[in-house]
C-alpha atoms as a PDB file:
ATOM      1  CA  UNK A   1      32.004  -5.369  12.790  1.00  0.00           C
ATOM      2  CA  UNK A   2      33.325  -5.494   9.335  1.00  0.00           C
ATOM      3  CA  UNK A   3      31.416  -7.980   7.238  1.00  0.00           C
ATOM      4  CA  UNK A   4      34.532  -9.025   5.247  1.00  0.00           C
ATOM      5  CA  UNK A   5      37.263  -9.264   7.990  1.00  0.00           C
ATOM      6  CA  UNK A   6      35.206  -9.352  11.027  1.00  0.00           C
ATOM      7  CA  UNK A   7      36.934  -6.727  12.353  1.00  0.00           C
ATOM      8  CA  UNK A   8      35.280  -4.624  15.356  1.00  0.00           C
ATOM      9  CA  UNK A   9      35.437  -0.735  15.400  1.00  0.00           C
ATOM     10  CA  UNK A  10      34.086   1.154  18.054  1.00  0.00           C
ATOM     11  CA  UNK A  11      32.545   5.018  17.370  1.00  0.00           C
ATOM     12  CA  UNK A  12      31.399   7.710  19.742  1.00  0.00           C
ATOM     13  CA  UNK A  13      29.237  10.093  19.082  1.00  0.00           C
ATOM     14  CA  UNK A  14      27.410  12.876  20.786  1.00  0.00           C
ATOM     15  CA  UNK A  15      24.035  12.063  18.867  1.00  0.00           C
ATOM     16  CA  UNK A  16      22.844   9.183  17.403  1.00  0.00           C
ATOM     17  CA  UNK A  17      20.225   8.586  14.801  1.00  0.00           C
ATOM     18  CA  UNK A  18      19.315   5.190  14.588  1.00  0.00           C
ATOM     19  CA  UNK A  19      17.905   3.927  11.055  1.00  0.00           C
ATOM     20  CA  UNK A  20      18.624   0.449  10.188  1.00  0.00           C
ATOM     21  CA  UNK A  21      15.321  -0.551   9.062  1.00  0.00           C
ATOM     22  CA  UNK A  22      12.449  -1.485  11.296  1.00  0.00           C
ATOM     23  CA  UNK A  23      13.912  -5.094  11.916  1.00  0.00           C
ATOM     24  CA  UNK A  24      17.494  -3.665  12.348  1.00  0.00           C
ATOM     25  CA  UNK A  25      17.067  -1.156  14.365  1.00  0.00           C
ATOM     26  CA  UNK A  26      14.856  -3.213  16.728  1.00  0.00           C
ATOM     27  CA  UNK A  27      17.365  -5.971  16.411  1.00  0.00           C
ATOM     28  CA  UNK A  28      20.299  -3.440  17.349  1.00  0.00           C
ATOM     29  CA  UNK A  29      18.171  -2.199  20.460  1.00  0.00           C
ATOM     30  CA  UNK A  30      17.434  -5.195  21.762  1.00  0.00           C
ATOM     31  CA  UNK A  31      20.521  -6.551  21.913  1.00  0.00           C
ATOM     32  CA  UNK A  32      21.666  -3.786  23.510  1.00  0.00           C
ATOM     33  CA  UNK A  33      21.719  -5.062  26.630  1.00  0.00           C
ATOM     34  CA  UNK A  34      23.024  -3.187  30.148  1.00  0.00           C
ATOM     35  CA  UNK A  35      22.426  -3.066  33.538  1.00  0.00           C
ATOM     36  CA  UNK A  36      19.953  -0.011  32.850  1.00  0.00           C
ATOM     37  CA  UNK A  37      18.219  -1.293  30.384  1.00  0.00           C
ATOM     38  CA  UNK A  38      18.060  -5.322  31.166  1.00  0.00           C
ATOM     39  CA  UNK A  39      15.243  -5.930  28.462  1.00  0.00           C
ATOM     40  CA  UNK A  40      16.734  -4.114  25.476  1.00  0.00           C
ATOM     41  CA  UNK A  41      18.195  -0.292  24.937  1.00  0.00           C
ATOM     42  CA  UNK A  42      15.861   2.052  25.992  1.00  0.00           C
ATOM     43  CA  UNK A  43      12.557  -0.564  26.536  1.00  0.00           C
ATOM     44  CA  UNK A  44      11.387   0.747  29.456  1.00  0.00           C
ATOM     45  CA  UNK A  45       7.939   0.774  28.404  1.00  0.00           C
ATOM     46  CA  UNK A  46       7.736  -3.221  26.984  1.00  0.00           C
ATOM     47  CA  UNK A  47       7.213  -2.497  23.909  1.00  0.00           C
ATOM     48  CA  UNK A  48      10.238  -2.452  21.988  1.00  0.00           C
ATOM     49  CA  UNK A  49       9.282  -5.541  19.365  1.00  0.00           C
ATOM     50  CA  UNK A  50       5.734  -5.462  19.505  1.00  0.00           C
ATOM     51  CA  UNK A  51       3.131  -3.703  17.400  1.00  0.00           C
ATOM     52  CA  UNK A  52       4.712  -4.993  14.053  1.00  0.00           C
ATOM     53  CA  UNK A  53       2.757  -3.661  11.308  1.00  0.00           C
ATOM     54  CA  UNK A  54       2.695  -4.201   7.349  1.00  0.00           C
ATOM     55  CA  UNK A  55       0.507  -3.832   4.374  1.00  0.00           C
ATOM     56  CA  UNK A  56      -1.405  -7.155   3.938  1.00  0.00           C
ATOM     57  CA  UNK A  57      -1.929  -7.869  -0.095  1.00  0.00           C
ATOM     58  CA  UNK A  58      -2.395 -10.983  -2.915  1.00  0.00           C
ATOM     59  CA  UNK A  59      -5.821 -10.126  -3.013  1.00  0.00           C
ATOM     60  CA  UNK A  60      -7.970  -8.167  -5.965  1.00  0.00           C
ATOM     61  CA  UNK A  61      -9.537  -8.847  -9.171  1.00  0.00           C
ATOM     62  CA  UNK A  62      -8.299  -9.342 -13.061  1.00  0.00           C
ATOM     63  CA  UNK A  63      -9.923  -9.749 -15.702  1.00  0.00           C
ATOM     64  CA  UNK A  64      -9.635  -8.612 -19.779  1.00  0.00           C
ATOM     65  CA  UNK A  65     -10.749  -5.861 -21.957  1.00  0.00           C
ATOM     66  CA  UNK A  66     -12.054  -6.186 -25.324  1.00  0.00           C
ATOM     67  CA  UNK A  67     -10.794  -3.902 -28.295  1.00  0.00           C
ATOM     68  CA  UNK A  68      -7.696  -1.728 -28.382  1.00  0.00           C
ATOM     69  CA  UNK A  69      -5.930  -4.024 -30.571  1.00  0.00           C
ATOM     70  CA  UNK A  70      -4.303  -1.487 -32.376  1.00  0.00           C
ATOM     71  CA  UNK A  71      -2.441  -0.301 -29.481  1.00  0.00           C
ATOM     72  CA  UNK A  72       0.530  -1.034 -27.598  1.00  0.00           C
ATOM     73  CA  UNK A  73       2.950   0.372 -25.243  1.00  0.00           C
ATOM     74  CA  UNK A  74       5.480   1.062 -27.262  1.00  0.00           C
ATOM     75  CA  UNK A  75       7.833   4.316 -26.806  1.00  0.00           C
ATOM     76  CA  UNK A  76       4.561   5.341 -24.477  1.00  0.00           C
ATOM     77  CA  UNK A  77       4.379   2.639 -21.777  1.00  0.00           C
ATOM     78  CA  UNK A  78       1.381   3.631 -19.449  1.00  0.00           C
ATOM     79  CA  UNK A  79       1.319   4.494 -15.589  1.00  0.00           C
ATOM     80  CA  UNK A  80      -0.170   1.778 -13.200  1.00  0.00           C
ATOM     81  CA  UNK A  81      -3.141   2.258 -11.454  1.00  0.00           C
ATOM     82  CA  UNK A  82      -3.885   3.834  -8.264  1.00  0.00           C
ATOM     83  CA  UNK A  83      -7.254   4.020  -6.278  1.00  0.00           C
ATOM     84  CA  UNK A  84      -6.417   5.571  -2.952  1.00  0.00           C
ATOM     85  CA  UNK A  85      -9.101   4.147  -0.218  1.00  0.00           C
ATOM     86  CA  UNK A  86     -12.772   5.026  -0.132  1.00  0.00           C
ATOM     87  CA  UNK A  87     -13.716   2.257   2.970  1.00  0.00           C
ATOM     88  CA  UNK A  88     -14.524   3.483   6.396  1.00  0.00           C
ATOM     89  CA  UNK A  89     -14.766   7.105   5.220  1.00  0.00           C
ATOM     90  CA  UNK A  90     -17.783   9.319   6.006  1.00  0.00           C
ATOM     91  CA  UNK A  91     -21.089   7.122   6.159  1.00  0.00           C
ATOM     92  CA  UNK A  92     -19.589   4.625   4.896  1.00  0.00           C
ATOM     93  CA  UNK A  93     -19.298   1.824   7.773  1.00  0.00           C
ATOM     94  CA  UNK A  94     -18.097  -1.770   7.246  1.00  0.00           C
ATOM     95  CA  UNK A  95     -17.597  -4.948  10.056  1.00  0.00           C
ATOM     96  CA  UNK A  96     -14.098  -3.873  10.623  1.00  0.00           C
ATOM     97  CA  UNK A  97     -11.667  -0.799  10.769  1.00  0.00           C
ATOM     98  CA  UNK A  98      -9.674   1.621   8.417  1.00  0.00           C
ATOM     99  CA  UNK A  99      -9.509   0.412   4.700  1.00  0.00           C
ATOM    100  CA  UNK A 100      -7.248  -0.246   1.885  1.00  0.00           C
ATOM    101  CA  UNK A 101      -6.047   1.300  -1.624  1.00  0.00           C
ATOM    102  CA  UNK A 102      -5.417  -0.139  -4.853  1.00  0.00           C
ATOM    103  CA  UNK A 103      -2.374  -0.526  -6.779  1.00  0.00           C
ATOM    104  CA  UNK A 104      -2.644  -2.119 -10.681  1.00  0.00           C
ATOM    105  CA  UNK A 105      -2.280  -1.952 -14.445  1.00  0.00           C
ATOM    106  CA  UNK A 106      -2.951  -2.710 -17.878  1.00  0.00           C
ATOM    107  CA  UNK A 107      -1.016  -4.908 -19.937  1.00  0.00           C
ATOM    108  CA  UNK A 108      -0.929  -7.094 -23.003  1.00  0.00           C
ATOM    109  CA  UNK A 109      -0.257 -10.529 -23.478  1.00  0.00           C
ATOM    110  CA  UNK A 110       3.316 -11.247 -25.064  1.00  0.00           C
ATOM    111  CA  UNK A 111       5.676 -13.753 -26.492  1.00  0.00           C
ATOM    112  CA  UNK A 112       5.957 -15.430 -23.249  1.00  0.00           C
ATOM    113  CA  UNK A 113       2.769 -17.200 -23.036  1.00  0.00           C
ATOM    114  CA  UNK A 114       4.503 -19.089 -26.389  1.00  0.00           C
ATOM    115  CA  UNK A 115       7.477 -20.242 -24.432  1.00  0.00           C
ATOM    116  CA  UNK A 116       5.605 -24.166 -24.794  1.00  0.00           C
ATOM    117  CA  UNK A 117       5.206 -23.533 -28.317  1.00  0.00           C
ATOM    118  CA  UNK A 118       6.528 -26.362 -30.475  1.00  0.00           C
ATOM    119  CA  UNK A 119       6.151 -24.668 -33.905  1.00  0.00           C
ATOM    120  CA  UNK A 120       9.109 -23.331 -35.949  1.00  0.00           C
ATOM    121  CA  UNK A 121       9.853 -20.896 -38.632  1.00  0.00           C
ATOM    122  CA  UNK A 122       7.611 -18.365 -40.110  1.00  0.00           C
ATOM    123  CA  UNK A 123       4.272 -18.672 -37.778  1.00  0.00           C
ATOM    124  CA  UNK A 124       6.465 -18.756 -34.999  1.00  0.00           C
ATOM    125  CA  UNK A 125       8.261 -15.689 -35.527  1.00  0.00           C
ATOM    126  CA  UNK A 126       4.884 -14.072 -36.464  1.00  0.00           C
ATOM    127  CA  UNK A 127       2.971 -15.356 -33.341  1.00  0.00           C
ATOM    128  CA  UNK A 128       5.786 -14.233 -31.295  1.00  0.00           C
ATOM    129  CA  UNK A 129       5.634 -10.778 -32.239  1.00  0.00           C
ATOM    130  CA  UNK A 130       2.194  -9.971 -32.400  1.00  0.00           C
ATOM    131  CA  UNK A 131       0.551  -9.079 -28.978  1.00  0.00           C
ATOM    132  CA  UNK A 132      -2.326 -10.887 -27.684  1.00  0.00           C
ATOM    133  CA  UNK A 133      -5.237  -9.647 -25.667  1.00  0.00           C
ATOM    134  CA  UNK A 134      -5.115  -6.857 -23.390  1.00  0.00           C
ATOM    135  CA  UNK A 135      -6.082  -7.893 -19.520  1.00  0.00           C
ATOM    136  CA  UNK A 136      -6.221  -5.514 -16.831  1.00  0.00           C
ATOM    137  CA  UNK A 137      -6.210  -6.226 -13.058  1.00  0.00           C
ATOM    138  CA  UNK A 138      -5.898  -4.595  -9.540  1.00  0.00           C
ATOM    139  CA  UNK A 139      -4.739  -5.445  -6.127  1.00  0.00           C
ATOM    140  CA  UNK A 140      -5.886  -4.217  -3.195  1.00  0.00           C
ATOM    141  CA  UNK A 141      -2.910  -3.183  -0.277  1.00  0.00           C
ATOM    142  CA  UNK A 142      -4.796  -3.342   3.363  1.00  0.00           C
ATOM    143  CA  UNK A 143      -3.635  -1.262   6.740  1.00  0.00           C
ATOM    144  CA  UNK A 144      -2.419  -3.865   9.551  1.00  0.00           C
ATOM    145  CA  UNK A 145      -3.703  -2.209  12.675  1.00  0.00           C
ATOM    146  CA  UNK A 146      -1.030  -2.305  15.775  1.00  0.00           C
ATOM    147  CA  UNK A 147      -1.415  -5.186  17.948  1.00  0.00           C
ATOM    148  CA  UNK A 148       1.109  -5.721  21.111  1.00  0.00           C
ATOM    149  CA  UNK A 149       0.804 -10.070  20.183  1.00  0.00           C
ATOM    150  CA  UNK A 150       2.871  -9.510  16.464  1.00  0.00           C
ATOM    151  CA  UNK A 151       6.343  -9.175  17.647  1.00  0.00           C
ATOM    152  CA  UNK A 152       9.718  -9.509  16.931  1.00  0.00           C
ATOM    153  CA  UNK A 153      12.450 -10.996  20.075  1.00  0.00           C
ATOM    154  CA  UNK A 154      15.599 -12.189  20.498  1.00  0.00           C
ATOM    155  CA  UNK A 155      16.463 -15.858  20.490  1.00  0.00           C
ATOM    156  CA  UNK A 156      19.628 -16.394  21.886  1.00  0.00           C
ATOM    157  CA  UNK A 157      20.182 -19.922  21.328  1.00  0.00           C
ATOM    158  CA  UNK A 158      20.356 -19.716  17.551  1.00  0.00           C
ATOM    159  CA  UNK A 159      23.451 -17.267  16.429  1.00  0.00           C
ATOM    160  CA  UNK A 160      24.125 -16.105  12.824  1.00  0.00           C
ATOM    161  CA  UNK A 161      27.586 -16.100  10.994  1.00  0.00           C
ATOM    162  CA  UNK A 162      28.995 -13.222  12.702  1.00  0.00           C
ATOM    163  CA  UNK A 163      28.148 -14.946  16.104  1.00  0.00           C
ATOM    164  CA  UNK A 164      25.092 -12.391  17.098  1.00  0.00           C
ATOM    165  CA  UNK A 165      21.927 -14.234  18.226  1.00  0.00           C
ATOM    166  CA  UNK A 166      19.027 -14.212  15.530  1.00  0.00           C
ATOM    167  CA  UNK A 167      15.462 -12.907  15.532  1.00  0.00           C
ATOM    168  CA  UNK A 168      12.514 -14.488  16.458  1.00  0.00           C
ATOM    169  CA  UNK A 169       9.016 -13.146  14.361  1.00  0.00           C
ATOM    170  CA  UNK A 170       5.217 -14.249  16.182  1.00  0.00           C
ATOM    171  CA  UNK A 171       2.944 -12.100  13.902  1.00  0.00           C
ATOM    172  CA  UNK A 172      -0.153 -13.802  12.331  1.00  0.00           C
ATOM    173  CA  UNK A 173      -3.441 -11.899  10.472  1.00  0.00           C
ATOM    174  CA  UNK A 174      -5.986 -10.841  12.852  1.00  0.00           C
ATOM    175  CA  UNK A 175      -9.462 -10.923  12.505  1.00  0.00           C
ATOM    176  CA  UNK A 176     -10.035  -7.182  11.242  1.00  0.00           C
ATOM    177  CA  UNK A 177      -7.360  -7.961   8.541  1.00  0.00           C
ATOM    178  CA  UNK A 178      -9.692 -11.440   7.111  1.00  0.00           C
ATOM    179  CA  UNK A 179     -12.665  -9.248   6.818  1.00  0.00           C
ATOM    180  CA  UNK A 180     -11.095  -6.596   5.307  1.00  0.00           C
ATOM    181  CA  UNK A 181     -10.056  -8.863   2.157  1.00  0.00           C
ATOM    182  CA  UNK A 182     -13.271  -9.826   1.399  1.00  0.00           C
ATOM    183  CA  UNK A 183     -14.212  -6.083   0.645  1.00  0.00           C
ATOM    184  CA  UNK A 184     -10.613  -6.362  -1.072  1.00  0.00           C
ATOM    185  CA  UNK A 185     -11.504  -9.104  -3.221  1.00  0.00           C
ATOM    186  CA  UNK A 186     -15.084  -8.076  -3.805  1.00  0.00           C
ATOM    187  CA  UNK A 187     -14.775  -4.536  -4.452  1.00  0.00           C
ATOM    188  CA  UNK A 188     -12.306  -5.028  -6.924  1.00  0.00           C
ATOM    189  CA  UNK A 189     -14.141  -7.412  -9.166  1.00  0.00           C
ATOM    190  CA  UNK A 190     -17.063  -4.889  -8.936  1.00  0.00           C
ATOM    191  CA  UNK A 191     -15.010  -1.992 -10.431  1.00  0.00           C
ATOM    192  CA  UNK A 192     -13.986  -3.565 -13.068  1.00  0.00           C
ATOM    193  CA  UNK A 193     -17.193  -4.967 -14.025  1.00  0.00           C
ATOM    194  CA  UNK A 194     -18.055  -2.100 -14.081  1.00  0.00           C
ATOM    195  CA  UNK A 195     -15.174  -0.471 -16.385  1.00  0.00           C
ATOM    196  CA  UNK A 196     -16.241  -2.882 -19.157  1.00  0.00           C
ATOM    197  CA  UNK A 197     -13.963  -5.930 -18.259  1.00  0.00           C
ATOM    198  CA  UNK A 198     -15.057  -9.504 -19.224  1.00  0.00           C
ATOM    199  CA  UNK A 199     -13.759 -12.941 -17.581  1.00  0.00           C
ATOM    200  CA  UNK A 200     -13.569 -11.303 -14.309  1.00  0.00           C
ATOM    201  CA  UNK A 201     -11.925 -13.070 -11.260  1.00  0.00           C
ATOM    202  CA  UNK A 202     -11.328 -12.445  -7.828  1.00  0.00           C
ATOM    203  CA  UNK A 203      -8.508 -13.588  -5.800  1.00  0.00           C
ATOM    204  CA  UNK A 204      -7.421 -14.273  -2.774  1.00  0.00           C
ATOM    205  CA  UNK A 205      -3.960 -16.254  -2.402  1.00  0.00           C
ATOM    206  CA  UNK A 206      -3.100 -17.880   0.801  1.00  0.00           C
ATOM    207  CA  UNK A 207       0.316 -17.771   0.387  1.00  0.00           C
ATOM    208  CA  UNK A 208       0.208 -14.104   1.156  1.00  0.00           C
ATOM    209  CA  UNK A 209      -1.765 -14.607   4.311  1.00  0.00           C
ATOM    210  CA  UNK A 210       1.140 -13.322   6.603  1.00  0.00           C
ATOM    211  CA  UNK A 211       2.751  -9.985   7.758  1.00  0.00           C
ATOM    212  CA  UNK A 212       6.337  -9.508   6.083  1.00  0.00           C
ATOM    213  CA  UNK A 213       4.794  -9.760   2.437  1.00  0.00           C
ATOM    214  CA  UNK A 214       4.472  -6.124   1.914  1.00  0.00           C
ATOM    215  CA  UNK A 215       7.922  -5.764   2.783  1.00  0.00           C
ATOM    216  CA  UNK A 216       6.499  -2.152   5.120  1.00  0.00           C
ATOM    217  CA  UNK A 217       7.439  -3.470   8.733  1.00  0.00           C
ATOM    218  CA  UNK A 218       7.118  -0.789  10.786  1.00  0.00           C
ATOM    219  CA  UNK A 219       6.157  -0.061  14.626  1.00  0.00           C
ATOM    220  CA  UNK A 220       8.780  -2.150  16.423  1.00  0.00           C
ATOM    221  CA  UNK A 221       9.736   1.272  18.107  1.00  0.00           C
ATOM    222  CA  UNK A 222       6.471   2.990  18.115  1.00  0.00           C
ATOM    223  CA  UNK A 223       6.388   7.135  19.138  1.00  0.00           C
ATOM    224  CA  UNK A 224       4.460   8.037  22.068  1.00  0.00           C
ATOM    225  CA  UNK A 225       3.432  10.799  24.920  1.00  0.00           C
ATOM    226  CA  UNK A 226       3.735   8.601  27.740  1.00  0.00           C
ATOM    227  CA  UNK A 227       6.926   6.484  28.468  1.00  0.00           C
ATOM    228  CA  UNK A 228       5.068   4.326  29.976  1.00  0.00           C
ATOM    229  CA  UNK A 229       3.354   2.674  26.635  1.00  0.00           C
ATOM    230  CA  UNK A 230       6.079   4.062  24.103  1.00  0.00           C
ATOM    231  CA  UNK A 231       9.635   3.724  22.992  1.00  0.00           C
ATOM    232  CA  UNK A 232       9.852   7.145  21.407  1.00  0.00           C
ATOM    233  CA  UNK A 233       8.735  11.145  21.618  1.00  0.00           C
ATOM    234  CA  UNK A 234       7.017  12.537  19.078  1.00  0.00           C
ATOM    235  CA  UNK A 235      10.541  13.768  17.947  1.00  0.00           C
ATOM    236  CA  UNK A 236      11.937  10.336  17.591  1.00  0.00           C
ATOM    237  CA  UNK A 237      13.917  10.270  20.511  1.00  0.00           C
ATOM    238  CA  UNK A 238      14.767   7.729  22.981  1.00  0.00           C
ATOM    239  CA  UNK A 239      12.314   8.817  26.129  1.00  0.00           C
ATOM    240  CA  UNK A 240      15.273   7.230  28.090  1.00  0.00           C
ATOM    241  CA  UNK A 241      18.296   8.757  26.645  1.00  0.00           C
ATOM    242  CA  UNK A 242      17.930  11.683  24.896  1.00  0.00           C
ATOM    243  CA  UNK A 243      20.586  11.962  21.887  1.00  0.00           C
ATOM    244  CA  UNK A 244      19.255   8.549  20.430  1.00  0.00           C
ATOM    245  CA  UNK A 245      17.129   9.196  17.220  1.00  0.00           C
ATOM    246  CA  UNK A 246      14.688   6.296  15.770  1.00  0.00           C
ATOM    247  CA  UNK A 247      13.850   7.278  12.438  1.00  0.00           C
ATOM    248  CA  UNK A 248      12.916   4.239   9.991  1.00  0.00           C
ATOM    249  CA  UNK A 249       9.594   2.427   9.981  1.00  0.00           C
ATOM    250  CA  UNK A 250      10.316   1.284  13.712  1.00  0.00           C
ATOM    251  CA  UNK A 251       8.506   4.691  14.876  1.00  0.00           C
ATOM    252  CA  UNK A 252       5.195   4.293  13.211  1.00  0.00           C
ATOM    253  CA  UNK A 253       2.208   4.034  15.400  1.00  0.00           C
ATOM    254  CA  UNK A 254       0.021   3.024  12.313  1.00  0.00           C
ATOM    255  CA  UNK A 255       0.259   1.541   9.013  1.00  0.00           C
ATOM    256  CA  UNK A 256      -2.265   3.620   6.918  1.00  0.00           C
ATOM    257  CA  UNK A 257      -2.471   1.374   3.318  1.00  0.00           C
ATOM    258  CA  UNK A 258      -0.260   3.467   1.469  1.00  0.00           C
ATOM    259  CA  UNK A 259       3.812   3.438   1.080  1.00  0.00           C
ATOM    260  CA  UNK A 260       5.312   4.635   3.843  1.00  0.00           C
ATOM    261  CA  UNK A 261       8.999   5.520   2.942  1.00  0.00           C
ATOM    262  CA  UNK A 262       7.954   9.210   2.174  1.00  0.00           C
ATOM    263  CA  UNK A 263       6.434   9.824   5.607  1.00  0.00           C
ATOM    264  CA  UNK A 264       9.885   8.497   7.460  1.00  0.00           C
ATOM    265  CA  UNK A 265      12.010  10.848   5.072  1.00  0.00           C
ATOM    266  CA  UNK A 266       9.482  13.558   6.390  1.00  0.00           C
ATOM    267  CA  UNK A 267       9.917  12.482  10.134  1.00  0.00           C
ATOM    268  CA  UNK A 268      13.570  12.029   9.300  1.00  0.00           C
ATOM    269  CA  UNK A 269      14.087  16.103   8.438  1.00  0.00           C
ATOM    270  CA  UNK A 270      11.711  16.963  11.055  1.00  0.00           C
ATOM    271  CA  UNK A 271      13.703  14.673  13.759  1.00  0.00           C
ATOM    272  CA  UNK A 272      17.211  15.841  12.736  1.00  0.00           C
ATOM    273  CA  UNK A 273      15.624  19.825  12.645  1.00  0.00           C
ATOM    274  CA  UNK A 274      14.796  19.366  16.082  1.00  0.00           C
ATOM    275  CA  UNK A 275      18.171  17.501  17.395  1.00  0.00           C
ATOM    276  CA  UNK A 276      20.360  20.466  15.341  1.00  0.00           C
ATOM    277  CA  UNK A 277      18.231  23.468  17.293  1.00  0.00           C
ATOM    278  CA  UNK A 278      18.487  21.114  20.709  1.00  0.00           C
ATOM    279  CA  UNK A 279      21.923  21.154  20.316  1.00  0.00           C
ATOM    280  CA  UNK A 280      22.432  24.648  19.603  1.00  0.00           C
ATOM    281  CA  UNK A 281      20.563  25.150  22.801  1.00  0.00           C
ATOM    282  CA  UNK A 282      22.993  22.566  24.963  1.00  0.00           C
ATOM    283  CA  UNK A 283      20.038  20.184  25.424  1.00  0.00           C
ATOM    284  CA  UNK A 284      22.009  17.455  23.711  1.00  0.00           C
END
């Protein structure tokens, strides 16, 4: 359907790669009903739309750094901080599964701190052109485990502007996520204090307690060896329809705690190579 004109056009292909984003692909598949697939395209297992994962965030610590007043980042802005996962590796055992990484950075207080300043003239000009103190902060990105109860379904009674049914989300943090966040805040504060930061404060934003806020949605059409427990096989093919491949975040079976886009790209390239070889063999 053309979003501007409303005109419908049908396209046909020997092989289809569905890559409409995790929720977009899930919507298309769940909304594709037929006698063969009454519960959504390829959904023989009943797993379509389930096992939604993301990365939970909004938890970490920040502080101020003394010194370095003669330094700024004009023309050589520093890169951000990345700290790889270190929990639940080797002999480190926690009361939760998997772990988290950190992203962060340092900066100097700028002119925006003076937005409410009422002065004018030379003093104000000098104030807004003189950077303030250095601050540093790190925020955690934690792994959310796949759980069948974290899911999305079709809400037929509520239509969008195109007359199509909409998606209804039913997701929540689990006990594992809440336990992990305790370490995400405490470890961040401990590292900053060890690095010499002052006025260190940890935080865990309650408004960030939700799946989808990390915008790394995954898992609605998980891959697996068994068609009874998964939607796709190891080559991203729909178990029940070999000429359809799904290569966005839908196929993921676990989230890890790093940005997933390069993984999607790698699996897409792998699936495309496999599809070409299968076409040459006459299997598709």
